[in-house]
């Protein structure tokens, strides 16, 4: 362990949010055996979701073959849920780090419920 922020599960905000050691407004939207979908904690706003591996991974190249195989289909399903709920002009997928801002918890909880329902529906019908 290097002790630099984000280098292990205790200093990584993403890991603390997933484990519940830090409050996650709206809670988890969706979880698989390898991945979790959560609302963004930061300035990007409602409808912004974070798709991250359950284990602490710093680099895409370090994903396991099963994590890699699940990522593409999961991103497609999450993008479809975001589109169905928010009707955006465009859905973007990018890789970035946490910026430290805190969202409006009540608004996040409302959109979270809508996203969760949409993802559950899509998983049931095999989208």
C-alpha atoms as a PDB file:
ATOM      1  CA  UNK A   1       0.000   0.000   0.000  1.00  0.00           C
ATOM      2  CA  UNK A   2       1.381   3.381  -0.997  1.00  0.00           C
ATOM      3  CA  UNK A   3      -0.822   5.521   1.232  1.00  0.00           C
ATOM      4  CA  UNK A   4      -1.772   7.812  -1.665  1.00  0.00           C
ATOM      5  CA  UNK A   5      -5.500   8.657  -1.913  1.00  0.00           C
ATOM      6  CA  UNK A   6      -7.427   6.117  -3.944  1.00  0.00           C
ATOM      7  CA  UNK A   7      -4.755   3.424  -3.832  1.00  0.00           C
ATOM      8  CA  UNK A   8      -6.600   1.008  -1.553  1.00  0.00           C
ATOM      9  CA  UNK A   9     -10.125   0.203  -0.396  1.00  0.00           C
ATOM     10  CA  UNK A  10      -9.865   2.383   2.733  1.00  0.00           C
ATOM     11  CA  UNK A  11      -8.674   5.553   0.983  1.00  0.00           C
ATOM     12  CA  UNK A  12     -10.702   5.089  -2.221  1.00  0.00           C
ATOM     13  CA  UNK A  13     -13.983   7.041  -2.134  1.00  0.00           C
ATOM     14  CA  UNK A  14     -15.544   4.722  -4.745  1.00  0.00           C
ATOM     15  CA  UNK A  15     -14.842   1.711  -2.518  1.00  0.00           C
ATOM     16  CA  UNK A  16     -16.102   3.483   0.616  1.00  0.00           C
ATOM     17  CA  UNK A  17     -19.375   4.372  -1.135  1.00  0.00           C
ATOM     18  CA  UNK A  18     -19.888   0.827  -2.387  1.00  0.00           C
ATOM     19  CA  UNK A  19     -19.060  -0.760   0.981  1.00  0.00           C
ATOM     20  CA  UNK A  20     -21.369   1.598   2.868  1.00  0.00           C
ATOM     21  CA  UNK A  21     -18.633   3.126   5.016  1.00  0.00           C
ATOM     22  CA  UNK A  22     -19.472   6.459   3.371  1.00  0.00           C
ATOM     23  CA  UNK A  23     -23.068   7.629   2.748  1.00  0.00           C
ATOM     24  CA  UNK A  24     -24.301   7.128  -0.825  1.00  0.00           C
ATOM     25  CA  UNK A  25     -27.313   9.358  -1.625  1.00  0.00           C
ATOM     26  CA  UNK A  26     -29.990   7.281  -3.335  1.00  0.00           C
ATOM     27  CA  UNK A  27     -28.235   4.014  -2.523  1.00  0.00           C
ATOM     28  CA  UNK A  28     -27.135   1.404  -5.031  1.00  0.00           C
ATOM     29  CA  UNK A  29     -29.076   1.448  -8.310  1.00  0.00           C
ATOM     30  CA  UNK A  30     -28.029  -2.025  -9.479  1.00  0.00           C
ATOM     31  CA  UNK A  31     -25.510  -4.687  -8.517  1.00  0.00           C
ATOM     32  CA  UNK A  32     -24.201  -7.798 -10.222  1.00  0.00           C
ATOM     33  CA  UNK A  33     -21.670 -10.312  -8.943  1.00  0.00           C
ATOM     34  CA  UNK A  34     -18.839  -8.172 -10.399  1.00  0.00           C
ATOM     35  CA  UNK A  35     -20.177  -4.631 -10.922  1.00  0.00           C
ATOM     36  CA  UNK A  36     -22.215  -1.951  -9.167  1.00  0.00           C
ATOM     37  CA  UNK A  37     -24.216   0.947 -10.606  1.00  0.00           C
ATOM     38  CA  UNK A  38     -24.530   4.005  -8.364  1.00  0.00           C
ATOM     39  CA  UNK A  39     -25.497   7.652  -8.715  1.00  0.00           C
ATOM     40  CA  UNK A  40     -22.635  10.040  -9.208  1.00  0.00           C
ATOM     41  CA  UNK A  41     -21.520  11.798  -6.039  1.00  0.00           C
ATOM     42  CA  UNK A  42     -20.360  15.062  -7.491  1.00  0.00           C
ATOM     43  CA  UNK A  43     -21.141  17.934  -9.807  1.00  0.00           C
ATOM     44  CA  UNK A  44     -22.340  16.046 -12.896  1.00  0.00           C
ATOM     45  CA  UNK A  45     -25.971  16.021 -11.753  1.00  0.00           C
ATOM     46  CA  UNK A  46     -29.001  13.789 -11.833  1.00  0.00           C
ATOM     47  CA  UNK A  47     -28.987  11.040 -14.409  1.00  0.00           C
ATOM     48  CA  UNK A  48     -25.230  10.604 -14.134  1.00  0.00           C
ATOM     49  CA  UNK A  49     -24.464   7.065 -13.053  1.00  0.00           C
ATOM     50  CA  UNK A  50     -21.219   5.412 -12.053  1.00  0.00           C
ATOM     51  CA  UNK A  51     -20.593   1.855 -13.250  1.00  0.00           C
ATOM     52  CA  UNK A  52     -17.683   0.392 -11.318  1.00  0.00           C
ATOM     53  CA  UNK A  53     -16.234  -3.008 -10.481  1.00  0.00           C
ATOM     54  CA  UNK A  54     -16.972  -4.298  -6.993  1.00  0.00           C
ATOM     55  CA  UNK A  55     -13.299  -4.937  -6.410  1.00  0.00           C
ATOM     56  CA  UNK A  56     -10.822  -2.079  -6.231  1.00  0.00           C
ATOM     57  CA  UNK A  57      -9.381  -1.612  -9.738  1.00  0.00           C
ATOM     58  CA  UNK A  58      -7.345   1.397 -10.837  1.00  0.00           C
ATOM     59  CA  UNK A  59      -6.832   0.570 -14.519  1.00  0.00           C
ATOM     60  CA  UNK A  60      -9.126  -0.836 -17.200  1.00  0.00           C
ATOM     61  CA  UNK A  61      -6.246  -3.100 -18.256  1.00  0.00           C
ATOM     62  CA  UNK A  62      -6.413  -4.738 -14.808  1.00  0.00           C
ATOM     63  CA  UNK A  63      -9.992  -5.997 -15.265  1.00  0.00           C
ATOM     64  CA  UNK A  64     -10.353  -9.759 -15.179  1.00  0.00           C
ATOM     65  CA  UNK A  65     -11.747 -11.533 -18.265  1.00  0.00           C
ATOM     66  CA  UNK A  66     -15.157 -12.019 -16.531  1.00  0.00           C
ATOM     67  CA  UNK A  67     -15.254  -8.311 -15.510  1.00  0.00           C
ATOM     68  CA  UNK A  68     -14.372  -7.297 -19.059  1.00  0.00           C
ATOM     69  CA  UNK A  69     -17.010  -9.582 -20.567  1.00  0.00           C
ATOM     70  CA  UNK A  70     -19.739  -8.126 -18.360  1.00  0.00           C
ATOM     71  CA  UNK A  71     -18.799  -4.455 -18.806  1.00  0.00           C
ATOM     72  CA  UNK A  72     -20.037  -3.852 -22.367  1.00  0.00           C
ATOM     73  CA  UNK A  73     -23.501  -5.384 -21.925  1.00  0.00           C
ATOM     74  CA  UNK A  74     -23.877  -3.661 -18.538  1.00  0.00           C
ATOM     75  CA  UNK A  75     -22.964  -0.253 -20.001  1.00  0.00           C
ATOM     76  CA  UNK A  76     -25.536  -0.771 -22.760  1.00  0.00           C
ATOM     77  CA  UNK A  77     -28.258  -1.630 -20.237  1.00  0.00           C
ATOM     78  CA  UNK A  78     -27.408   1.312 -18.001  1.00  0.00           C
ATOM     79  CA  UNK A  79     -27.387   3.695 -20.993  1.00  0.00           C
ATOM     80  CA  UNK A  80     -30.789   2.318 -22.047  1.00  0.00           C
ATOM     81  CA  UNK A  81     -32.155   2.906 -18.522  1.00  0.00           C
ATOM     82  CA  UNK A  82     -30.816   6.474 -18.444  1.00  0.00           C
ATOM     83  CA  UNK A  83     -32.370   7.098 -21.875  1.00  0.00           C
ATOM     84  CA  UNK A  84     -35.744   5.653 -20.854  1.00  0.00           C
ATOM     85  CA  UNK A  85     -35.946   7.687 -17.645  1.00  0.00           C
ATOM     86  CA  UNK A  86     -34.390  11.034 -18.560  1.00  0.00           C
ATOM     87  CA  UNK A  87     -34.811  11.193 -22.371  1.00  0.00           C
ATOM     88  CA  UNK A  88     -31.441  12.910 -22.853  1.00  0.00           C
ATOM     89  CA  UNK A  89     -30.206  14.246 -26.162  1.00  0.00           C
ATOM     90  CA  UNK A  90     -27.147  11.999 -25.781  1.00  0.00           C
ATOM     91  CA  UNK A  91     -25.712   9.483 -23.290  1.00  0.00           C
ATOM     92  CA  UNK A  92     -21.950   9.679 -22.834  1.00  0.00           C
ATOM     93  CA  UNK A  93     -19.657   7.005 -21.418  1.00  0.00           C
ATOM     94  CA  UNK A  94     -16.320   8.113 -20.018  1.00  0.00           C
ATOM     95  CA  UNK A  95     -13.667   7.255 -17.460  1.00  0.00           C
ATOM     96  CA  UNK A  96     -13.020   9.800 -14.685  1.00  0.00           C
ATOM     97  CA  UNK A  97     -12.274  10.259 -10.996  1.00  0.00           C
ATOM     98  CA  UNK A  98     -14.295  11.581  -8.099  1.00  0.00           C
ATOM     99  CA  UNK A  99     -14.196  15.363  -7.672  1.00  0.00           C
ATOM    100  CA  UNK A 100     -15.380  15.679  -4.049  1.00  0.00           C
ATOM    101  CA  UNK A 101     -18.741  17.455  -4.452  1.00  0.00           C
ATOM    102  CA  UNK A 102     -21.936  16.398  -2.634  1.00  0.00           C
ATOM    103  CA  UNK A 103     -25.256  16.063  -4.566  1.00  0.00           C
ATOM    104  CA  UNK A 104     -28.793  16.972  -3.496  1.00  0.00           C
ATOM    105  CA  UNK A 105     -29.728  13.755  -1.658  1.00  0.00           C
ATOM    106  CA  UNK A 106     -33.513  14.051  -2.041  1.00  0.00           C
ATOM    107  CA  UNK A 107     -33.391  14.580  -5.804  1.00  0.00           C
ATOM    108  CA  UNK A 108     -30.860  11.771  -6.233  1.00  0.00           C
ATOM    109  CA  UNK A 109     -33.090   9.375  -4.285  1.00  0.00           C
ATOM    110  CA  UNK A 110     -36.069  10.107  -6.565  1.00  0.00           C
ATOM    111  CA  UNK A 111     -34.157   9.553  -9.804  1.00  0.00           C
ATOM    112  CA  UNK A 112     -32.446   6.510  -8.261  1.00  0.00           C
ATOM    113  CA  UNK A 113     -35.809   4.821  -7.750  1.00  0.00           C
ATOM    114  CA  UNK A 114     -36.796   5.494 -11.358  1.00  0.00           C
ATOM    115  CA  UNK A 115     -33.445   4.177 -12.654  1.00  0.00           C
ATOM    116  CA  UNK A 116     -33.637   1.098 -10.430  1.00  0.00           C
ATOM    117  CA  UNK A 117     -37.146   0.298 -11.703  1.00  0.00           C
ATOM    118  CA  UNK A 118     -36.047   0.733 -15.306  1.00  0.00           C
ATOM    119  CA  UNK A 119     -32.974  -1.495 -14.848  1.00  0.00           C
ATOM    120  CA  UNK A 120     -35.022  -4.164 -13.069  1.00  0.00           C
ATOM    121  CA  UNK A 121     -37.542  -4.107 -15.924  1.00  0.00           C
ATOM    122  CA  UNK A 122     -34.795  -4.409 -18.518  1.00  0.00           C
ATOM    123  CA  UNK A 123     -33.106  -7.268 -16.704  1.00  0.00           C
ATOM    124  CA  UNK A 124     -36.439  -9.117 -16.513  1.00  0.00           C
ATOM    125  CA  UNK A 125     -37.186  -8.814 -20.228  1.00  0.00           C
ATOM    126  CA  UNK A 126     -33.622  -9.507 -21.308  1.00  0.00           C
ATOM    127  CA  UNK A 127     -32.856  -6.198 -23.008  1.00  0.00           C
END
